């Protein structure tokens, strides 16, 4: 998603299913998530759609984790407490995966 904003000093970070773009409002971020357009039809495609604007970075991370868990949790439902346990396990796995790409041991 190149809108020319990068040349204005905006920061953009893109992953497989998200785009984070600095919003220019202090140090806040706009979040875009990958969505299916025309699902199941011949002209099905994927596009990044806005998920929110002016988020703190930590909030964006939580939204990305929730997005990933939602895509994995199609088989849940009617399991009561067991589903909560499965969802929490998925949430922690996705959080660990996402945060494992950060090397926070090197203070700069």
PDB file of N, CA and C in Angstrom:
ATOM      1  N   UNK A   1       0.856  -1.165   0.000  1.00  0.00           N
ATOM      2  CA  UNK A   1       0.000   0.000   0.000  1.00  0.00           C
ATOM      3  C   UNK A   1       0.906   1.233   0.000  1.00  0.00           C
ATOM      4  N   UNK A   2       1.185   1.763  -1.147  1.00  0.00           N
ATOM      5  CA  UNK A   2       2.057   2.911  -1.259  1.00  0.00           C
ATOM      6  C   UNK A   2       1.236   4.110  -1.674  1.00  0.00           C
ATOM      7  N   UNK A   3       1.059   5.033  -0.760  1.00  0.00           N
ATOM      8  CA  UNK A   3       0.244   6.205  -1.052  1.00  0.00           C
ATOM      9  C   UNK A   3       1.087   7.468  -1.145  1.00  0.00           C
ATOM     10  N   UNK A   4       2.411   7.304  -1.112  1.00  0.00           N
ATOM     11  CA  UNK A   4       3.282   8.460  -1.157  1.00  0.00           C
ATOM     12  C   UNK A   4       3.497   9.091   0.201  1.00  0.00           C
ATOM     13  N   UNK A   5       2.843   8.571   1.237  1.00  0.00           N
ATOM     14  CA  UNK A   5       2.970   9.151   2.569  1.00  0.00           C
ATOM     15  C   UNK A   5       4.350   8.920   3.163  1.00  0.00           C
ATOM     16  N   UNK A   6       5.049   7.869   2.709  1.00  0.00           N
ATOM     17  CA  UNK A   6       6.362   7.581   3.242  1.00  0.00           C
ATOM     18  C   UNK A   6       7.308   8.753   3.009  1.00  0.00           C
ATOM     19  N   UNK A   7       7.122   9.450   1.900  1.00  0.00           N
ATOM     20  CA  UNK A   7       7.984  10.571   1.581  1.00  0.00           C
ATOM     21  C   UNK A   7       7.734  11.766   2.492  1.00  0.00           C
ATOM     22  N   UNK A   8       6.633  11.788   3.219  1.00  0.00           N
ATOM     23  CA  UNK A   8       6.301  12.877   4.128  1.00  0.00           C
ATOM     24  C   UNK A   8       6.781  12.593   5.546  1.00  0.00           C
ATOM     25  N   UNK A   9       7.606  11.585   5.736  1.00  0.00           N
ATOM     26  CA  UNK A   9       8.111  11.260   7.055  1.00  0.00           C
ATOM     27  C   UNK A   9       7.281  10.256   7.818  1.00  0.00           C
ATOM     28  N   UNK A  10       6.336   9.635   7.182  1.00  0.00           N
ATOM     29  CA  UNK A  10       5.534   8.610   7.830  1.00  0.00           C
ATOM     30  C   UNK A  10       6.317   7.305   7.854  1.00  0.00           C
ATOM     31  N   UNK A  11       6.084   6.505   8.867  1.00  0.00           N
ATOM     32  CA  UNK A  11       6.694   5.184   8.983  1.00  0.00           C
ATOM     33  C   UNK A  11       5.637   4.155   8.626  1.00  0.00           C
ATOM     34  N   UNK A  12       6.022   3.154   7.834  1.00  0.00           N
ATOM     35  CA  UNK A  12       5.084   2.077   7.513  1.00  0.00           C
ATOM     36  C   UNK A  12       5.760   0.746   7.783  1.00  0.00           C
ATOM     37  N   UNK A  13       5.049  -0.128   8.492  1.00  0.00           N
ATOM     38  CA  UNK A  13       5.517  -1.479   8.798  1.00  0.00           C
ATOM     39  C   UNK A  13       4.473  -2.436   8.242  1.00  0.00           C
ATOM     40  N   UNK A  14       4.912  -3.380   7.409  1.00  0.00           N
ATOM     41  CA  UNK A  14       3.951  -4.299   6.800  1.00  0.00           C
ATOM     42  C   UNK A  14       4.316  -5.738   7.111  1.00  0.00           C
ATOM     43  N   UNK A  15       3.333  -6.486   7.559  1.00  0.00           N
ATOM     44  CA  UNK A  15       3.453  -7.917   7.772  1.00  0.00           C
ATOM     45  C   UNK A  15       2.528  -8.633   6.810  1.00  0.00           C
ATOM     46  N   UNK A  16       2.423  -9.947   6.928  1.00  0.00           N
ATOM     47  CA  UNK A  16       1.608 -10.703   5.971  1.00  0.00           C
ATOM     48  C   UNK A  16       0.125 -10.339   5.988  1.00  0.00           C
ATOM     49  N   UNK A  17      -0.406  -9.938   7.158  1.00  0.00           N
ATOM     50  CA  UNK A  17      -1.828  -9.633   7.226  1.00  0.00           C
ATOM     51  C   UNK A  17      -2.120  -8.279   7.863  1.00  0.00           C
ATOM     52  N   UNK A  18      -1.121  -7.429   7.971  1.00  0.00           N
ATOM     53  CA  UNK A  18      -1.328  -6.114   8.571  1.00  0.00           C
ATOM     54  C   UNK A  18      -0.398  -5.069   7.962  1.00  0.00           C
ATOM     55  N   UNK A  19      -0.822  -3.830   8.087  1.00  0.00           N
ATOM     56  CA  UNK A  19       0.027  -2.677   7.801  1.00  0.00           C
ATOM     57  C   UNK A  19      -0.154  -1.717   8.965  1.00  0.00           C
ATOM     58  N   UNK A  20       0.959  -1.279   9.531  1.00  0.00           N
ATOM     59  CA  UNK A  20       0.959  -0.237  10.553  1.00  0.00           C
ATOM     60  C   UNK A  20       1.560   1.001   9.908  1.00  0.00           C
ATOM     61  N   UNK A  21       0.893   2.124  10.046  1.00  0.00           N
ATOM     62  CA  UNK A  21       1.411   3.366   9.473  1.00  0.00           C
ATOM     63  C   UNK A  21       1.328   4.454  10.532  1.00  0.00           C
ATOM     64  N   UNK A  22       2.441   5.132  10.763  1.00  0.00           N
ATOM     65  CA  UNK A  22       2.399   6.227  11.728  1.00  0.00           C
ATOM     66  C   UNK A  22       1.392   7.251  11.236  1.00  0.00           C
ATOM     67  N   UNK A  23       0.606   7.770  12.149  1.00  0.00           N
ATOM     68  CA  UNK A  23      -0.521   8.616  11.747  1.00  0.00           C
ATOM     69  C   UNK A  23      -0.166  10.085  11.647  1.00  0.00           C
ATOM     70  N   UNK A  24       0.978  10.458  12.177  1.00  0.00           N
ATOM     71  CA  UNK A  24       1.326  11.867  12.171  1.00  0.00           C
ATOM     72  C   UNK A  24       0.716  12.623  13.341  1.00  0.00           C
ATOM     73  N   UNK A  25      -0.054  11.937  14.163  1.00  0.00           N
ATOM     74  CA  UNK A  25      -0.657  12.534  15.355  1.00  0.00           C
ATOM     75  C   UNK A  25       0.160  12.120  16.562  1.00  0.00           C
ATOM     76  N   UNK A  26       1.275  12.775  16.776  1.00  0.00           N
ATOM     77  CA  UNK A  26       2.172  12.344  17.832  1.00  0.00           C
ATOM     78  C   UNK A  26       2.799  11.035  17.413  1.00  0.00           C
ATOM     79  N   UNK A  27       2.828  10.081  18.309  1.00  0.00           N
ATOM     80  CA  UNK A  27       3.375   8.770  17.965  1.00  0.00           C
ATOM     81  C   UNK A  27       2.256   7.745  18.046  1.00  0.00           C
ATOM     82  N   UNK A  28       1.272   7.900  17.186  1.00  0.00           N
ATOM     83  CA  UNK A  28       0.168   6.960  17.115  1.00  0.00           C
ATOM     84  C   UNK A  28       0.168   6.313  15.736  1.00  0.00           C
ATOM     85  N   UNK A  29      -0.596   5.222  15.623  1.00  0.00           N
ATOM     86  CA  UNK A  29      -0.539   4.387  14.430  1.00  0.00           C
ATOM     87  C   UNK A  29      -1.921   4.122  13.857  1.00  0.00           C
ATOM     88  N   UNK A  30      -1.969   4.025  12.547  1.00  0.00           N
ATOM     89  CA  UNK A  30      -3.161   3.579  11.852  1.00  0.00           C
ATOM     90  C   UNK A  30      -2.940   2.118  11.483  1.00  0.00           C
ATOM     91  N   UNK A  31      -3.950   1.294  11.665  1.00  0.00           N
ATOM     92  CA  UNK A  31      -3.831  -0.141  11.443  1.00  0.00           C
ATOM     93  C   UNK A  31      -4.736  -0.571  10.304  1.00  0.00           C
ATOM     94  N   UNK A  32      -4.170  -1.351   9.392  1.00  0.00           N
ATOM     95  CA  UNK A  32      -4.915  -1.927   8.276  1.00  0.00           C
ATOM     96  C   UNK A  32      -4.759  -3.436   8.352  1.00  0.00           C
ATOM     97  N   UNK A  33      -5.860  -4.172   8.209  1.00  0.00           N
ATOM     98  CA  UNK A  33      -5.830  -5.628   8.252  1.00  0.00           C
ATOM     99  C   UNK A  33      -6.294  -6.198   6.922  1.00  0.00           C
ATOM    100  N   UNK A  34      -5.772  -7.359   6.588  1.00  0.00           N
ATOM    101  CA  UNK A  34      -6.098  -8.020   5.329  1.00  0.00           C
ATOM    102  C   UNK A  34      -7.509  -8.596   5.401  1.00  0.00           C
ATOM    103  N   UNK A  35      -8.328  -8.237   4.438  1.00  0.00           N
ATOM    104  CA  UNK A  35      -9.713  -8.704   4.391  1.00  0.00           C
ATOM    105  C   UNK A  35      -9.985  -9.367   3.048  1.00  0.00           C
ATOM    106  N   UNK A  36     -10.912 -10.321   3.067  1.00  0.00           N
ATOM    107  CA  UNK A  36     -11.341 -10.989   1.837  1.00  0.00           C
ATOM    108  C   UNK A  36     -12.483 -10.175   1.241  1.00  0.00           C
ATOM    109  N   UNK A  37     -12.349  -9.870  -0.029  1.00  0.00           N
ATOM    110  CA  UNK A  37     -13.384  -9.138  -0.754  1.00  0.00           C
ATOM    111  C   UNK A  37     -14.066 -10.114  -1.714  1.00  0.00           C
ATOM    112  N   UNK A  38     -15.388 -10.125  -1.730  1.00  0.00           N
ATOM    113  CA  UNK A  38     -16.170 -11.028  -2.587  1.00  0.00           C
ATOM    114  C   UNK A  38     -15.856 -12.497  -2.300  1.00  0.00           C
ATOM    115  N   UNK A  39     -15.867 -12.864  -1.028  1.00  0.00           N
ATOM    116  CA  UNK A  39     -15.506 -14.216  -0.600  1.00  0.00           C
ATOM    117  C   UNK A  39     -16.348 -15.275  -1.310  1.00  0.00           C
ATOM    118  N   UNK A  40     -15.646 -16.267  -1.855  1.00  0.00           N
ATOM    119  CA  UNK A  40     -16.298 -17.395  -2.503  1.00  0.00           C
ATOM    120  C   UNK A  40     -16.733 -17.134  -3.930  1.00  0.00           C
ATOM    121  N   UNK A  41     -16.553 -15.912  -4.393  1.00  0.00           N
ATOM    122  CA  UNK A  41     -16.959 -15.582  -5.759  1.00  0.00           C
ATOM    123  C   UNK A  41     -15.747 -15.656  -6.691  1.00  0.00           C
ATOM    124  N   UNK A  42     -16.033 -15.630  -7.970  1.00  0.00           N
ATOM    125  CA  UNK A  42     -14.971 -15.721  -8.977  1.00  0.00           C
ATOM    126  C   UNK A  42     -13.975 -14.564  -8.866  1.00  0.00           C
ATOM    127  N   UNK A  43     -14.452 -13.405  -8.469  1.00  0.00           N
ATOM    128  CA  UNK A  43     -13.579 -12.238  -8.374  1.00  0.00           C
ATOM    129  C   UNK A  43     -13.078 -11.986  -6.943  1.00  0.00           C
ATOM    130  N   UNK A  44     -12.968 -13.050  -6.152  1.00  0.00           N
ATOM    131  CA  UNK A  44     -12.465 -12.938  -4.780  1.00  0.00           C
ATOM    132  C   UNK A  44     -11.055 -12.380  -4.801  1.00  0.00           C
ATOM    133  N   UNK A  45     -10.781 -11.464  -3.872  1.00  0.00           N
ATOM    134  CA  UNK A  45      -9.443 -10.898  -3.751  1.00  0.00           C
ATOM    135  C   UNK A  45      -9.214 -10.480  -2.303  1.00  0.00           C
ATOM    136  N   UNK A  46      -7.982 -10.116  -2.004  1.00  0.00           N
ATOM    137  CA  UNK A  46      -7.603  -9.692  -0.661  1.00  0.00           C
ATOM    138  C   UNK A  46      -7.132  -8.241  -0.719  1.00  0.00           C
ATOM    139  N   UNK A  47      -7.591  -7.453   0.250  1.00  0.00           N
ATOM    140  CA  UNK A  47      -7.196  -6.050   0.329  1.00  0.00           C
ATOM    141  C   UNK A  47      -6.982  -5.667   1.788  1.00  0.00           C
ATOM    142  N   UNK A  48      -6.080  -4.711   2.004  1.00  0.00           N
ATOM    143  CA  UNK A  48      -5.899  -4.153   3.331  1.00  0.00           C
ATOM    144  C   UNK A  48      -6.962  -3.088   3.547  1.00  0.00           C
ATOM    145  N   UNK A  49      -7.732  -3.258   4.628  1.00  0.00           N
ATOM    146  CA  UNK A  49      -8.800  -2.324   4.969  1.00  0.00           C
ATOM    147  C   UNK A  49      -8.515  -1.720   6.345  1.00  0.00           C
ATOM    148  N   UNK A  50      -8.919  -0.472   6.569  1.00  0.00           N
ATOM    149  CA  UNK A  50      -8.670   0.164   7.868  1.00  0.00           C
ATOM    150  C   UNK A  50      -9.341  -0.593   9.013  1.00  0.00           C
ATOM    151  N   UNK A  51      -8.566  -0.793  10.087  1.00  0.00           N
ATOM    152  CA  UNK A  51      -9.101  -1.405  11.304  1.00  0.00           C
ATOM    153  C   UNK A  51      -9.197  -0.374  12.419  1.00  0.00           C
ATOM    154  N   UNK A  52      -8.521   0.745  12.237  1.00  0.00           N
ATOM    155  CA  UNK A  52      -8.578   1.804  13.240  1.00  0.00           C
ATOM    156  C   UNK A  52      -7.480   2.824  13.025  1.00  0.00           C
ATOM    157  N   UNK A  53      -7.700   3.997  13.577  1.00  0.00           N
ATOM    158  CA  UNK A  53      -6.764   5.097  13.397  1.00  0.00           C
ATOM    159  C   UNK A  53      -6.370   5.680  14.741  1.00  0.00           C
ATOM    160  N   UNK A  54      -5.126   6.144  14.825  1.00  0.00           N
ATOM    161  CA  UNK A  54      -4.659   6.828  16.024  1.00  0.00           C
ATOM    162  C   UNK A  54      -4.443   5.918  17.227  1.00  0.00           C
ATOM    163  N   UNK A  55      -4.134   4.641  16.976  1.00  0.00           N
ATOM    164  CA  UNK A  55      -3.899   3.686  18.065  1.00  0.00           C
ATOM    165  C   UNK A  55      -2.497   3.844  18.645  1.00  0.00           C
ATOM    166  N   UNK A  56      -2.356   3.475  19.917  1.00  0.00           N
ATOM    167  CA  UNK A  56      -1.027   3.285  20.485  1.00  0.00           C
ATOM    168  C   UNK A  56      -0.459   2.009  19.873  1.00  0.00           C
ATOM    169  N   UNK A  57       0.857   1.890  19.821  1.00  0.00           N
ATOM    170  CA  UNK A  57       1.504   0.730  19.216  1.00  0.00           C
ATOM    171  C   UNK A  57       1.045  -0.568  19.884  1.00  0.00           C
ATOM    172  N   UNK A  58       0.956  -0.553  21.213  1.00  0.00           N
ATOM    173  CA  UNK A  58       0.556  -1.743  21.960  1.00  0.00           C
ATOM    174  C   UNK A  58      -0.860  -2.185  21.579  1.00  0.00           C
ATOM    175  N   UNK A  59      -1.733  -1.233  21.321  1.00  0.00           N
ATOM    176  CA  UNK A  59      -3.096  -1.546  20.915  1.00  0.00           C
ATOM    177  C   UNK A  59      -3.100  -2.223  19.548  1.00  0.00           C
ATOM    178  N   UNK A  60      -2.252  -1.745  18.638  1.00  0.00           N
ATOM    179  CA  UNK A  60      -2.128  -2.375  17.315  1.00  0.00           C
ATOM    180  C   UNK A  60      -1.691  -3.822  17.446  1.00  0.00           C
ATOM    181  N   UNK A  61      -0.716  -4.071  18.316  1.00  0.00           N
ATOM    182  CA  UNK A  61      -0.226  -5.436  18.530  1.00  0.00           C
ATOM    183  C   UNK A  61      -1.364  -6.330  19.014  1.00  0.00           C
ATOM    184  N   UNK A  62      -2.158  -5.843  19.950  1.00  0.00           N
ATOM    185  CA  UNK A  62      -3.292  -6.623  20.463  1.00  0.00           C
ATOM    186  C   UNK A  62      -4.309  -6.910  19.366  1.00  0.00           C
ATOM    187  N   UNK A  63      -4.569  -5.931  18.509  1.00  0.00           N
ATOM    188  CA  UNK A  63      -5.510  -6.142  17.404  1.00  0.00           C
ATOM    189  C   UNK A  63      -4.979  -7.186  16.415  1.00  0.00           C
ATOM    190  N   UNK A  64      -3.692  -7.157  16.155  1.00  0.00           N
ATOM    191  CA  UNK A  64      -3.085  -8.137  15.245  1.00  0.00           C
ATOM    192  C   UNK A  64      -3.188  -9.537  15.840  1.00  0.00           C
ATOM    193  N   UNK A  65      -2.912  -9.660  17.128  1.00  0.00           N
ATOM    194  CA  UNK A  65      -3.031 -10.956  17.804  1.00  0.00           C
ATOM    195  C   UNK A  65      -4.483 -11.446  17.735  1.00  0.00           C
ATOM    196  N   UNK A  66      -5.433 -10.566  18.035  1.00  0.00           N
ATOM    197  CA  UNK A  66      -6.850 -10.945  17.977  1.00  0.00           C
ATOM    198  C   UNK A  66      -7.255 -11.369  16.568  1.00  0.00           C
ATOM    199  N   UNK A  67      -6.769 -10.671  15.556  1.00  0.00           N
ATOM    200  CA  UNK A  67      -7.051 -11.003  14.160  1.00  0.00           C
ATOM    201  C   UNK A  67      -6.563 -12.418  13.837  1.00  0.00           C
ATOM    202  N   UNK A  68      -5.343 -12.722  14.288  1.00  0.00           N
ATOM    203  CA  UNK A  68      -4.781 -14.053  14.037  1.00  0.00           C
ATOM    204  C   UNK A  68      -5.552 -15.139  14.776  1.00  0.00           C
ATOM    205  N   UNK A  69      -5.941 -14.873  16.017  1.00  0.00           N
ATOM    206  CA  UNK A  69      -6.712 -15.855  16.792  1.00  0.00           C
ATOM    207  C   UNK A  69      -8.066 -16.090  16.140  1.00  0.00           C
ATOM    208  N   UNK A  70      -8.707 -15.018  15.698  1.00  0.00           N
ATOM    209  CA  UNK A  70     -10.018 -15.155  15.050  1.00  0.00           C
ATOM    210  C   UNK A  70      -9.920 -16.054  13.819  1.00  0.00           C
ATOM    211  N   UNK A  71      -8.856 -15.912  13.043  1.00  0.00           N
ATOM    212  CA  UNK A  71      -8.714 -16.733  11.842  1.00  0.00           C
ATOM    213  C   UNK A  71      -8.443 -18.197  12.183  1.00  0.00           C
ATOM    214  N   UNK A  72      -7.912 -18.460  13.373  1.00  0.00           N
ATOM    215  CA  UNK A  72      -7.638 -19.834  13.800  1.00  0.00           C
ATOM    216  C   UNK A  72      -8.798 -20.472  14.545  1.00  0.00           C
ATOM    217  N   UNK A  73      -9.763 -19.699  14.995  1.00  0.00           N
ATOM    218  CA  UNK A  73     -10.769 -20.206  15.939  1.00  0.00           C
ATOM    219  C   UNK A  73     -12.086 -20.601  15.289  1.00  0.00           C
ATOM    220  N   UNK A  74     -12.082 -20.930  14.032  1.00  0.00           N
ATOM    221  CA  UNK A  74     -13.319 -21.276  13.323  1.00  0.00           C
ATOM    222  C   UNK A  74     -14.015 -22.501  13.911  1.00  0.00           C
ATOM    223  N   UNK A  75     -13.259 -23.400  14.526  1.00  0.00           N
ATOM    224  CA  UNK A  75     -13.828 -24.655  15.026  1.00  0.00           C
ATOM    225  C   UNK A  75     -14.388 -24.542  16.440  1.00  0.00           C
ATOM    226  N   UNK A  76     -14.264 -23.376  17.052  1.00  0.00           N
ATOM    227  CA  UNK A  76     -14.732 -23.225  18.425  1.00  0.00           C
ATOM    228  C   UNK A  76     -16.213 -22.888  18.474  1.00  0.00           C
ATOM    229  N   UNK A  77     -16.789 -23.159  19.600  1.00  0.00           N
ATOM    230  CA  UNK A  77     -18.204 -22.841  19.823  1.00  0.00           C
ATOM    231  C   UNK A  77     -18.878 -23.965  20.556  1.00  0.00           C
ATOM    232  N   UNK A  78     -19.689 -23.605  21.500  1.00  0.00           N
ATOM    233  CA  UNK A  78     -20.468 -24.561  22.288  1.00  0.00           C
ATOM    234  C   UNK A  78     -19.608 -25.409  23.218  1.00  0.00           C
ATOM    235  N   UNK A  79     -18.380 -24.970  23.473  1.00  0.00           N
ATOM    236  CA  UNK A  79     -17.506 -25.730  24.349  1.00  0.00           C
ATOM    237  C   UNK A  79     -17.371 -25.136  25.731  1.00  0.00           C
ATOM    238  N   UNK A  80     -18.058 -24.031  25.982  1.00  0.00           N
ATOM    239  CA  UNK A  80     -18.032 -23.409  27.296  1.00  0.00           C
ATOM    240  C   UNK A  80     -16.628 -23.061  27.757  1.00  0.00           C
ATOM    241  N   UNK A  81     -16.319 -23.467  28.973  1.00  0.00           N
ATOM    242  CA  UNK A  81     -15.014 -23.154  29.560  1.00  0.00           C
ATOM    243  C   UNK A  81     -13.864 -23.721  28.735  1.00  0.00           C
ATOM    244  N   UNK A  82     -14.085 -24.839  28.102  1.00  0.00           N
ATOM    245  CA  UNK A  82     -13.038 -25.450  27.280  1.00  0.00           C
ATOM    246  C   UNK A  82     -12.674 -24.538  26.106  1.00  0.00           C
ATOM    247  N   UNK A  83     -13.668 -23.874  25.510  1.00  0.00           N
ATOM    248  CA  UNK A  83     -13.398 -22.927  24.425  1.00  0.00           C
ATOM    249  C   UNK A  83     -12.600 -21.725  24.918  1.00  0.00           C
ATOM    250  N   UNK A  84     -12.920 -21.254  26.111  1.00  0.00           N
ATOM    251  CA  UNK A  84     -12.154 -20.138  26.682  1.00  0.00           C
ATOM    252  C   UNK A  84     -10.702 -20.543  26.848  1.00  0.00           C
ATOM    253  N   UNK A  85     -10.495 -21.748  27.341  1.00  0.00           N
ATOM    254  CA  UNK A  85      -9.135 -22.258  27.525  1.00  0.00           C
ATOM    255  C   UNK A  85      -8.411 -22.345  26.180  1.00  0.00           C
ATOM    256  N   UNK A  86      -9.090 -22.858  25.152  1.00  0.00           N
ATOM    257  CA  UNK A  86      -8.473 -22.968  23.823  1.00  0.00           C
ATOM    258  C   UNK A  86      -8.162 -21.592  23.241  1.00  0.00           C
ATOM    259  N   UNK A  87      -9.116 -20.663  23.385  1.00  0.00           N
ATOM    260  CA  UNK A  87      -8.890 -19.305  22.880  1.00  0.00           C
ATOM    261  C   UNK A  87      -7.708 -18.641  23.569  1.00  0.00           C
ATOM    262  N   UNK A  88      -7.635 -18.788  24.881  1.00  0.00           N
ATOM    263  CA  UNK A  88      -6.537 -18.176  25.627  1.00  0.00           C
ATOM    264  C   UNK A  88      -5.205 -18.779  25.212  1.00  0.00           C
ATOM    265  N   UNK A  89      -5.188 -20.088  24.989  1.00  0.00           N
ATOM    266  CA  UNK A  89      -3.964 -20.751  24.543  1.00  0.00           C
ATOM    267  C   UNK A  89      -3.545 -20.219  23.169  1.00  0.00           C
ATOM    268  N   UNK A  90      -4.507 -20.094  22.249  1.00  0.00           N
ATOM    269  CA  UNK A  90      -4.205 -19.546  20.923  1.00  0.00           C
ATOM    270  C   UNK A  90      -3.698 -18.118  21.037  1.00  0.00           C
ATOM    271  N   UNK A  91      -4.343 -17.321  21.912  1.00  0.00           N
ATOM    272  CA  UNK A  91      -3.955 -15.920  22.071  1.00  0.00           C
ATOM    273  C   UNK A  91      -2.513 -15.828  22.557  1.00  0.00           C
ATOM    274  N   UNK A  92      -2.162 -16.651  23.535  1.00  0.00           N
ATOM    275  CA  UNK A  92      -0.796 -16.633  24.071  1.00  0.00           C
ATOM    276  C   UNK A  92       0.213 -17.115  23.024  1.00  0.00           C
ATOM    277  N   UNK A  93      -0.155 -18.109  22.215  1.00  0.00           N
ATOM    278  CA  UNK A  93       0.732 -18.589  21.153  1.00  0.00           C
ATOM    279  C   UNK A  93       0.981 -17.494  20.121  1.00  0.00           C
ATOM    280  N   UNK A  94      -0.080 -16.806  19.713  1.00  0.00           N
ATOM    281  CA  UNK A  94       0.072 -15.743  18.719  1.00  0.00           C
ATOM    282  C   UNK A  94       0.861 -14.564  19.283  1.00  0.00           C
ATOM    283  N   UNK A  95       0.631 -14.242  20.539  1.00  0.00           N
ATOM    284  CA  UNK A  95       1.396 -13.169  21.181  1.00  0.00           C
ATOM    285  C   UNK A  95       2.871 -13.539  21.217  1.00  0.00           C
ATOM    286  N   UNK A  96       3.178 -14.762  21.593  1.00  0.00           N
ATOM    287  CA  UNK A  96       4.569 -15.221  21.651  1.00  0.00           C
ATOM    288  C   UNK A  96       5.214 -15.173  20.274  1.00  0.00           C
ATOM    289  N   UNK A  97       4.482 -15.639  19.242  1.00  0.00           N
ATOM    290  CA  UNK A  97       5.016 -15.607  17.878  1.00  0.00           C
ATOM    291  C   UNK A  97       5.325 -14.193  17.422  1.00  0.00           C
ATOM    292  N   UNK A  98       4.377 -13.292  17.657  1.00  0.00           N
ATOM    293  CA  UNK A  98       4.550 -11.922  17.203  1.00  0.00           C
ATOM    294  C   UNK A  98       5.677 -11.224  17.951  1.00  0.00           C
ATOM    295  N   UNK A  99       5.731 -11.399  19.246  1.00  0.00           N
ATOM    296  CA  UNK A  99       6.743 -10.729  20.039  1.00  0.00           C
ATOM    297  C   UNK A  99       8.120 -11.386  19.914  1.00  0.00           C
ATOM    298  N   UNK A 100       8.170 -12.627  19.444  1.00  0.00           N
ATOM    299  CA  UNK A 100       9.460 -13.302  19.305  1.00  0.00           C
ATOM    300  C   UNK A 100      10.320 -12.686  18.204  1.00  0.00           C
ATOM    301  N   UNK A 101       9.708 -11.930  17.311  1.00  0.00           N
ATOM    302  CA  UNK A 101      10.505 -11.282  16.270  1.00  0.00           C
ATOM    303  C   UNK A 101      11.265 -10.071  16.809  1.00  0.00           C
ATOM    304  N   UNK A 102      10.905  -9.627  18.013  1.00  0.00           N
ATOM    305  CA  UNK A 102      11.574  -8.490  18.626  1.00  0.00           C
ATOM    306  C   UNK A 102      12.747  -8.975  19.471  1.00  0.00           C
ATOM    307  N   UNK A 103      13.877  -8.329  19.304  1.00  0.00           N
ATOM    308  CA  UNK A 103      15.017  -8.625  20.165  1.00  0.00           C
ATOM    309  C   UNK A 103      15.124  -7.488  21.157  1.00  0.00           C
ATOM    310  N   UNK A 104      14.511  -7.669  22.306  1.00  0.00           N
ATOM    311  CA  UNK A 104      14.466  -6.597  23.301  1.00  0.00           C
ATOM    312  C   UNK A 104      15.622  -6.679  24.294  1.00  0.00           C
ATOM    313  N   UNK A 105      16.555  -7.614  24.063  1.00  0.00           N
ATOM    314  CA  UNK A 105      17.674  -7.761  24.990  1.00  0.00           C
ATOM    315  C   UNK A 105      18.751  -6.696  24.775  1.00  0.00           C
ATOM    316  N   UNK A 106      18.736  -6.037  23.629  1.00  0.00           N
ATOM    317  CA  UNK A 106      19.738  -5.053  23.290  1.00  0.00           C
ATOM    318  C   UNK A 106      19.152  -3.660  23.482  1.00  0.00           C
ATOM    319  N   UNK A 107      19.471  -3.037  24.617  1.00  0.00           N
ATOM    320  CA  UNK A 107      18.953  -1.688  24.884  1.00  0.00           C
ATOM    321  C   UNK A 107      19.769  -0.674  24.103  1.00  0.00           C
ATOM    322  N   UNK A 108      19.091   0.079  23.258  1.00  0.00           N
ATOM    323  CA  UNK A 108      19.800   1.104  22.467  1.00  0.00           C
ATOM    324  C   UNK A 108      19.474   2.482  22.962  1.00  0.00           C
TER     325      UNK A 108
END
